[in-house]
Amino acid sequence: MSVTLTGDWRDLVRDIADAASVDWRGAHAEIGEMLRTSVNRRFREQRSPEMWKWQPSFRALREGGSTLTLSARLRRSVKFMATAQRVDVGTNVVYAAIHNFGGQAGRGKKVTLPARPYMGISDGDERRIGEIIERRVTRSFK
């Protein structure tokens, strides 16, 4: 089976070429900043990307304050790196994964930490990513 298309495709070819000229590094930087801001909001609200409340830490219950924010080092360590091909959002803090995913920690792995996900893409984040891309691509057609 085959399909044959006929007609003047010059406008479409030009529009596709214009779409290829989207500033993808800029788009990825905008997405990275939006995701970093979203992670900061999760720390403030003490919620996962799925919007469920984190289990409060013993320290926060005993002394007050917020879970995962004694020094705010973990929250402040979340950065992004954008290129034309991709955006990476993450942290290089050694204890980041155990707090995000939960698991056994401490000497002899005798302490069980609950998962308190702060990294991830929420439904709202996904929608905003789509809006950023749509806006950037649409702009390239004008």
N, C-alpha and C. Protein backbone atom coordinates (compact mmCIF):
# COMPACT_ATOMS: atom_id res chain seq x y z
N MET A 1 0.85 -1.17 0.00
CA MET A 1 0.00 0.00 0.00
C MET A 1 0.90 1.23 0.00
N SER A 2 0.48 2.24 -0.70
CA SER A 2 1.24 3.49 -0.72
C SER A 2 0.28 4.66 -0.81
N VAL A 3 0.78 5.79 -0.41
CA VAL A 3 0.00 7.02 -0.48
C VAL A 3 0.81 8.02 -1.27
N THR A 4 0.19 8.71 -2.18
CA THR A 4 0.85 9.73 -2.96
C THR A 4 0.23 11.07 -2.61
N LEU A 5 1.08 12.01 -2.23
CA LEU A 5 0.61 13.35 -1.90
C LEU A 5 1.07 14.30 -2.99
N THR A 6 0.19 15.16 -3.38
CA THR A 6 0.56 16.16 -4.38
C THR A 6 0.20 17.54 -3.84
N GLY A 7 0.84 18.54 -4.33
CA GLY A 7 0.53 19.90 -3.92
C GLY A 7 1.79 20.69 -3.68
N ASP A 8 1.60 21.94 -3.29
CA ASP A 8 2.71 22.84 -3.01
C ASP A 8 3.02 22.76 -1.52
N TRP A 9 4.12 22.11 -1.18
CA TRP A 9 4.48 21.85 0.21
C TRP A 9 5.55 22.82 0.72
N ARG A 10 5.85 23.84 -0.06
CA ARG A 10 6.93 24.75 0.35
C ARG A 10 6.67 25.41 1.71
N ASP A 11 5.43 25.85 1.96
CA ASP A 11 5.12 26.49 3.25
C ASP A 11 5.30 25.51 4.41
N LEU A 12 4.83 24.27 4.22
CA LEU A 12 4.98 23.27 5.26
C LEU A 12 6.45 22.96 5.52
N VAL A 13 7.22 22.80 4.47
CA VAL A 13 8.65 22.51 4.61
C VAL A 13 9.35 23.67 5.34
N ARG A 14 8.98 24.91 4.99
CA ARG A 14 9.57 26.07 5.68
C ARG A 14 9.18 26.07 7.16
N ASP A 15 7.89 25.77 7.46
CA ASP A 15 7.44 25.74 8.85
C ASP A 15 8.17 24.66 9.65
N ILE A 16 8.38 23.51 9.05
CA ILE A 16 9.11 22.44 9.72
C ILE A 16 10.56 22.86 9.98
N ALA A 17 11.16 23.51 9.00
CA ALA A 17 12.53 24.01 9.19
C ALA A 17 12.57 25.05 10.31
N ASP A 18 11.54 25.91 10.38
CA ASP A 18 11.47 26.89 11.46
C ASP A 18 11.35 26.20 12.82
N ALA A 19 10.56 25.14 12.88
CA ALA A 19 10.41 24.40 14.14
C ALA A 19 11.74 23.81 14.58
N ALA A 20 12.55 23.42 13.62
CA ALA A 20 13.87 22.88 13.94
C ALA A 20 14.77 23.95 14.53
N SER A 21 14.41 25.21 14.33
CA SER A 21 15.23 26.30 14.85
C SER A 21 14.79 26.75 16.25
N VAL A 22 13.94 25.97 16.90
CA VAL A 22 13.53 26.28 18.27
C VAL A 22 14.78 26.30 19.15
N ASP A 23 14.84 27.26 20.05
CA ASP A 23 15.94 27.34 21.00
C ASP A 23 15.71 26.28 22.08
N TRP A 24 16.12 25.05 21.78
CA TRP A 24 15.88 23.94 22.71
C TRP A 24 16.66 24.08 24.00
N ARG A 25 17.85 24.67 23.94
CA ARG A 25 18.60 24.88 25.18
C ARG A 25 17.82 25.83 26.09
N GLY A 26 17.28 26.88 25.51
CA GLY A 26 16.47 27.82 26.28
C GLY A 26 15.20 27.17 26.82
N ALA A 27 14.56 26.34 26.00
CA ALA A 27 13.36 25.64 26.44
C ALA A 27 13.69 24.70 27.60
N HIS A 28 14.80 23.97 27.46
CA HIS A 28 15.19 23.05 28.53
C HIS A 28 15.58 23.79 29.80
N ALA A 29 16.21 24.95 29.66
CA ALA A 29 16.55 25.76 30.84
C ALA A 29 15.28 26.24 31.54
N GLU A 30 14.29 26.65 30.76
CA GLU A 30 13.02 27.09 31.34
C GLU A 30 12.33 25.92 32.06
N ILE A 31 12.36 24.75 31.45
CA ILE A 31 11.78 23.55 32.07
C ILE A 31 12.55 23.20 33.36
N GLY A 32 13.88 23.27 33.31
CA GLY A 32 14.69 22.96 34.47
C GLY A 32 14.39 23.89 35.63
N GLU A 33 14.28 25.18 35.36
CA GLU A 33 13.97 26.14 36.42
C GLU A 33 12.57 25.89 36.98
N MET A 34 11.62 25.57 36.12
CA MET A 34 10.27 25.27 36.58
C MET A 34 10.28 24.03 37.48
N LEU A 35 11.02 22.99 37.10
CA LEU A 35 11.08 21.77 37.92
C LEU A 35 11.80 22.02 39.24
N ARG A 36 12.86 22.81 39.23
CA ARG A 36 13.57 23.14 40.47
C ARG A 36 12.63 23.90 41.41
N THR A 37 11.88 24.82 40.88
CA THR A 37 10.90 25.57 41.68
C THR A 37 9.83 24.63 42.24
N SER A 38 9.41 23.67 41.45
CA SER A 38 8.42 22.69 41.89
C SER A 38 8.95 21.85 43.06
N VAL A 39 10.22 21.46 42.99
CA VAL A 39 10.83 20.72 44.10
C VAL A 39 10.85 21.59 45.36
N ASN A 40 11.21 22.86 45.22
CA ASN A 40 11.21 23.76 46.38
C ASN A 40 9.83 23.87 47.00
N ARG A 41 8.81 23.92 46.16
CA ARG A 41 7.43 23.97 46.65
C ARG A 41 7.10 22.71 47.43
N ARG A 42 7.58 21.56 46.96
CA ARG A 42 7.32 20.31 47.68
C ARG A 42 7.94 20.33 49.07
N PHE A 43 9.14 20.90 49.18
CA PHE A 43 9.76 21.03 50.50
C PHE A 43 8.91 21.92 51.41
N ARG A 44 8.42 23.03 50.89
CA ARG A 44 7.58 23.93 51.69
C ARG A 44 6.28 23.26 52.11
N GLU A 45 5.64 22.55 51.16
CA GLU A 45 4.34 21.94 51.42
C GLU A 45 4.46 20.55 52.04
N GLN A 46 5.69 19.99 52.07
CA GLN A 46 5.93 18.66 52.64
C GLN A 46 5.08 17.61 51.91
N ARG A 47 5.11 17.67 50.57
CA ARG A 47 4.28 16.78 49.75
C ARG A 47 5.11 16.15 48.63
N SER A 48 4.64 14.99 48.19
CA SER A 48 5.26 14.27 47.08
C SER A 48 4.77 14.87 45.76
N PRO A 49 5.37 14.45 44.64
CA PRO A 49 4.85 14.91 43.34
C PRO A 49 3.39 14.50 43.12
N GLU A 50 2.96 13.41 43.78
CA GLU A 50 1.57 12.96 43.66
C GLU A 50 0.66 13.67 44.66
N MET A 51 1.23 14.59 45.44
CA MET A 51 0.51 15.44 46.39
C MET A 51 0.13 14.75 47.70
N TRP A 52 0.72 13.59 48.02
CA TRP A 52 0.46 13.03 49.35
C TRP A 52 1.46 13.60 50.34
N LYS A 53 0.98 13.80 51.59
CA LYS A 53 1.79 14.40 52.64
C LYS A 53 2.91 13.46 53.05
N TRP A 54 4.10 14.02 53.27
CA TRP A 54 5.22 13.24 53.80
C TRP A 54 4.93 12.87 55.25
N GLN A 55 5.45 11.74 55.67
CA GLN A 55 5.41 11.40 57.08
C GLN A 55 6.37 12.34 57.80
N PRO A 56 5.92 13.04 58.84
CA PRO A 56 6.82 13.97 59.53
C PRO A 56 7.99 13.22 60.17
N SER A 57 9.14 13.85 60.20
CA SER A 57 10.31 13.26 60.85
C SER A 57 10.15 13.38 62.37
N PHE A 58 10.86 12.51 63.11
CA PHE A 58 10.83 12.58 64.57
C PHE A 58 11.34 13.94 65.04
N ARG A 59 12.39 14.45 64.40
CA ARG A 59 12.94 15.75 64.78
C ARG A 59 11.90 16.85 64.61
N ALA A 60 11.20 16.86 63.47
CA ALA A 60 10.19 17.90 63.24
C ALA A 60 9.05 17.79 64.25
N LEU A 61 8.66 16.57 64.60
CA LEU A 61 7.60 16.39 65.60
C LEU A 61 8.06 16.83 66.98
N ARG A 62 9.30 16.48 67.33
CA ARG A 62 9.84 16.75 68.66
C ARG A 62 10.22 18.22 68.84
N GLU A 63 10.92 18.78 67.84
CA GLU A 63 11.48 20.12 67.98
C GLU A 63 10.75 21.19 67.19
N GLY A 64 9.85 20.77 66.33
CA GLY A 64 9.18 21.73 65.45
C GLY A 64 9.97 21.89 64.17
N GLY A 65 9.46 22.67 63.31
CA GLY A 65 10.12 22.87 62.02
C GLY A 65 9.58 21.92 60.98
N SER A 66 10.29 21.83 59.87
CA SER A 66 9.84 21.04 58.73
C SER A 66 10.71 19.81 58.54
N THR A 67 10.10 18.78 58.03
CA THR A 67 10.81 17.55 57.69
C THR A 67 11.76 17.81 56.52
N LEU A 68 12.94 17.24 56.59
CA LEU A 68 13.99 17.33 55.56
C LEU A 68 14.57 18.74 55.39
N THR A 69 14.38 19.60 56.38
CA THR A 69 14.90 20.96 56.21
C THR A 69 15.64 21.49 57.43
N LEU A 70 16.31 20.64 58.18
CA LEU A 70 17.05 21.12 59.35
C LEU A 70 18.05 22.20 58.93
N SER A 71 18.87 21.92 57.94
CA SER A 71 19.83 22.92 57.45
C SER A 71 19.44 23.47 56.08
N ALA A 72 18.47 22.87 55.44
CA ALA A 72 18.01 23.22 54.07
C ALA A 72 19.06 22.89 53.02
N ARG A 73 20.10 22.17 53.40
CA ARG A 73 21.15 21.82 52.43
C ARG A 73 20.58 20.99 51.27
N LEU A 74 19.75 20.01 51.59
CA LEU A 74 19.20 19.14 50.55
C LEU A 74 18.35 19.97 49.58
N ARG A 75 17.47 20.78 50.11
CA ARG A 75 16.61 21.60 49.25
C ARG A 75 17.43 22.54 48.38
N ARG A 76 18.41 23.20 48.97
CA ARG A 76 19.24 24.15 48.21
C ARG A 76 20.15 23.46 47.19
N SER A 77 20.40 22.18 47.37
CA SER A 77 21.32 21.48 46.47
C SER A 77 20.68 21.08 45.14
N VAL A 78 19.37 21.16 45.03
CA VAL A 78 18.69 20.75 43.79
C VAL A 78 18.98 21.78 42.72
N LYS A 79 19.62 21.33 41.66
CA LYS A 79 20.02 22.19 40.54
C LYS A 79 19.58 21.54 39.23
N PHE A 80 19.74 22.28 38.15
CA PHE A 80 19.47 21.70 36.83
C PHE A 80 20.59 22.06 35.88
N MET A 81 20.74 21.25 34.85
CA MET A 81 21.70 21.50 33.78
C MET A 81 20.96 21.29 32.46
N ALA A 82 20.96 22.30 31.62
CA ALA A 82 20.24 22.24 30.35
C ALA A 82 21.19 22.30 29.18
N THR A 83 20.93 21.46 28.19
CA THR A 83 21.62 21.51 26.90
C THR A 83 20.54 21.55 25.82
N ALA A 84 20.94 21.59 24.59
CA ALA A 84 19.96 21.58 23.49
C ALA A 84 19.25 20.23 23.40
N GLN A 85 19.86 19.18 23.94
CA GLN A 85 19.28 17.84 23.84
C GLN A 85 18.45 17.42 25.04
N ARG A 86 18.72 17.99 26.24
CA ARG A 86 18.06 17.48 27.44
C ARG A 86 18.19 18.45 28.60
N VAL A 87 17.43 18.16 29.65
CA VAL A 87 17.57 18.87 30.91
C VAL A 87 17.65 17.82 32.01
N ASP A 88 18.61 17.98 32.90
CA ASP A 88 18.77 17.10 34.06
C ASP A 88 18.51 17.92 35.31
N VAL A 89 17.71 17.39 36.20
CA VAL A 89 17.42 18.04 37.48
C VAL A 89 17.79 17.06 38.56
N GLY A 90 18.59 17.50 39.53
CA GLY A 90 18.98 16.58 40.59
C GLY A 90 19.84 17.23 41.64
N THR A 91 20.45 16.39 42.45
CA THR A 91 21.29 16.83 43.55
C THR A 91 22.48 15.89 43.68
N ASN A 92 23.57 16.41 44.20
CA ASN A 92 24.74 15.56 44.45
C ASN A 92 24.92 15.27 45.94
N VAL A 93 23.93 15.60 46.75
CA VAL A 93 24.00 15.33 48.19
C VAL A 93 23.90 13.82 48.41
N VAL A 94 24.84 13.28 49.17
CA VAL A 94 24.97 11.83 49.35
C VAL A 94 23.70 11.20 49.91
N TYR A 95 23.02 11.86 50.82
CA TYR A 95 21.85 11.27 51.48
C TYR A 95 20.53 11.56 50.76
N ALA A 96 20.60 12.16 49.57
CA ALA A 96 19.38 12.55 48.85
C ALA A 96 18.49 11.35 48.52
N ALA A 97 19.07 10.29 48.01
CA ALA A 97 18.28 9.15 47.55
C ALA A 97 17.53 8.48 48.70
N ILE A 98 18.18 8.31 49.86
CA ILE A 98 17.52 7.63 50.97
C ILE A 98 16.29 8.42 51.45
N HIS A 99 16.36 9.74 51.37
CA HIS A 99 15.21 10.55 51.78
C HIS A 99 14.11 10.52 50.72
N ASN A 100 14.48 10.49 49.47
CA ASN A 100 13.49 10.46 48.40
C ASN A 100 12.78 9.10 48.31
N PHE A 101 13.56 8.02 48.37
CA PHE A 101 13.01 6.68 48.16
C PHE A 101 12.74 5.91 49.45
N GLY A 102 13.35 6.34 50.57
CA GLY A 102 13.21 5.61 51.82
C GLY A 102 14.12 4.39 51.83
N GLY A 103 14.22 3.73 52.98
CA GLY A 103 15.02 2.52 53.08
C GLY A 103 15.78 2.46 54.39
N GLN A 104 16.70 1.53 54.45
CA GLN A 104 17.50 1.31 55.66
C GLN A 104 18.68 2.28 55.68
N ALA A 105 18.92 2.89 56.84
CA ALA A 105 19.99 3.88 56.96
C ALA A 105 20.66 3.74 58.32
N GLY A 106 21.72 4.50 58.50
CA GLY A 106 22.43 4.52 59.77
C GLY A 106 23.42 3.38 59.90
N ARG A 107 24.11 3.37 61.04
CA ARG A 107 25.09 2.30 61.31
C ARG A 107 24.38 0.96 61.34
N GLY A 108 24.87 0.05 60.56
CA GLY A 108 24.27 -1.27 60.51
C GLY A 108 22.91 -1.30 59.84
N LYS A 109 22.54 -0.20 59.21
CA LYS A 109 21.25 -0.11 58.50
C LYS A 109 20.09 -0.47 59.42
N LYS A 110 20.15 0.01 60.66
CA LYS A 110 19.15 -0.35 61.67
C LYS A 110 17.95 0.60 61.70
N VAL A 111 18.05 1.70 61.00
CA VAL A 111 16.97 2.69 61.00
C VAL A 111 16.24 2.62 59.65
N THR A 112 14.93 2.58 59.70
CA THR A 112 14.14 2.59 58.47
C THR A 112 13.57 3.98 58.26
N LEU A 113 13.96 4.60 57.18
CA LEU A 113 13.43 5.92 56.83
C LEU A 113 12.30 5.75 55.83
N PRO A 114 11.17 6.43 56.05
CA PRO A 114 10.09 6.36 55.06
C PRO A 114 10.46 7.17 53.82
N ALA A 115 9.88 6.80 52.71
CA ALA A 115 10.07 7.59 51.49
C ALA A 115 9.38 8.94 51.66
N ARG A 116 10.10 9.98 51.29
CA ARG A 116 9.55 11.33 51.26
C ARG A 116 9.93 11.94 49.91
N PRO A 117 9.23 11.51 48.86
CA PRO A 117 9.61 11.93 47.51
C PRO A 117 9.49 13.44 47.31
N TYR A 118 10.58 14.02 46.89
CA TYR A 118 10.60 15.44 46.53
C TYR A 118 10.97 15.60 45.07
N MET A 119 11.69 14.64 44.51
CA MET A 119 12.04 14.65 43.09
C MET A 119 10.96 13.93 42.31
N GLY A 120 10.75 14.35 41.09
CA GLY A 120 9.77 13.70 40.24
C GLY A 120 8.99 14.74 39.46
N ILE A 121 8.15 14.27 38.58
CA ILE A 121 7.35 15.16 37.74
C ILE A 121 5.89 14.92 38.06
N SER A 122 5.24 15.94 38.59
CA SER A 122 3.82 15.84 38.91
C SER A 122 2.98 16.02 37.65
N ASP A 123 1.69 15.78 37.77
CA ASP A 123 0.80 16.03 36.64
C ASP A 123 0.84 17.50 36.23
N GLY A 124 0.89 18.38 37.21
CA GLY A 124 0.98 19.81 36.93
C GLY A 124 2.28 20.18 36.24
N ASP A 125 3.38 19.56 36.69
CA ASP A 125 4.68 19.79 36.04
C ASP A 125 4.62 19.35 34.57
N GLU A 126 4.03 18.19 34.36
CA GLU A 126 3.94 17.65 33.00
C GLU A 126 3.15 18.60 32.10
N ARG A 127 2.07 19.13 32.63
CA ARG A 127 1.25 20.09 31.87
C ARG A 127 2.06 21.35 31.55
N ARG A 128 2.80 21.86 32.54
CA ARG A 128 3.61 23.07 32.32
C ARG A 128 4.74 22.81 31.32
N ILE A 129 5.32 21.62 31.35
CA ILE A 129 6.35 21.28 30.36
C ILE A 129 5.75 21.35 28.96
N GLY A 130 4.57 20.77 28.79
CA GLY A 130 3.89 20.82 27.50
C GLY A 130 3.62 22.25 27.05
N GLU A 131 3.22 23.10 28.00
CA GLU A 131 2.94 24.50 27.67
C GLU A 131 4.21 25.23 27.26
N ILE A 132 5.31 24.96 27.94
CA ILE A 132 6.59 25.60 27.59
C ILE A 132 7.00 25.20 26.18
N ILE A 133 6.94 23.91 25.89
CA ILE A 133 7.33 23.42 24.56
C ILE A 133 6.40 24.00 23.49
N GLU A 134 5.10 23.96 23.76
CA GLU A 134 4.14 24.49 22.78
C GLU A 134 4.41 25.97 22.50
N ARG A 135 4.65 26.75 23.54
CA ARG A 135 4.92 28.17 23.37
C ARG A 135 6.20 28.40 22.58
N ARG A 136 7.23 27.64 22.88
CA ARG A 136 8.53 27.80 22.18
C ARG A 136 8.40 27.42 20.71
N VAL A 137 7.72 26.32 20.43
CA VAL A 137 7.56 25.87 19.03
C VAL A 137 6.68 26.85 18.27
N THR A 138 5.58 27.27 18.88
CA THR A 138 4.67 28.22 18.23
C THR A 138 5.41 29.51 17.91
N ARG A 139 6.21 29.98 18.84
CA ARG A 139 6.99 31.21 18.64
C ARG A 139 7.92 31.08 17.43
N SER A 140 8.45 29.88 17.20
CA SER A 140 9.38 29.70 16.09
C SER A 140 8.69 29.78 14.73
N PHE A 141 7.36 29.63 14.72
CA PHE A 141 6.62 29.70 13.46
C PHE A 141 6.28 31.13 13.07
N LYS A 142 6.47 32.07 13.97
CA LYS A 142 6.07 33.45 13.68
C LYS A 142 7.19 34.25 13.10
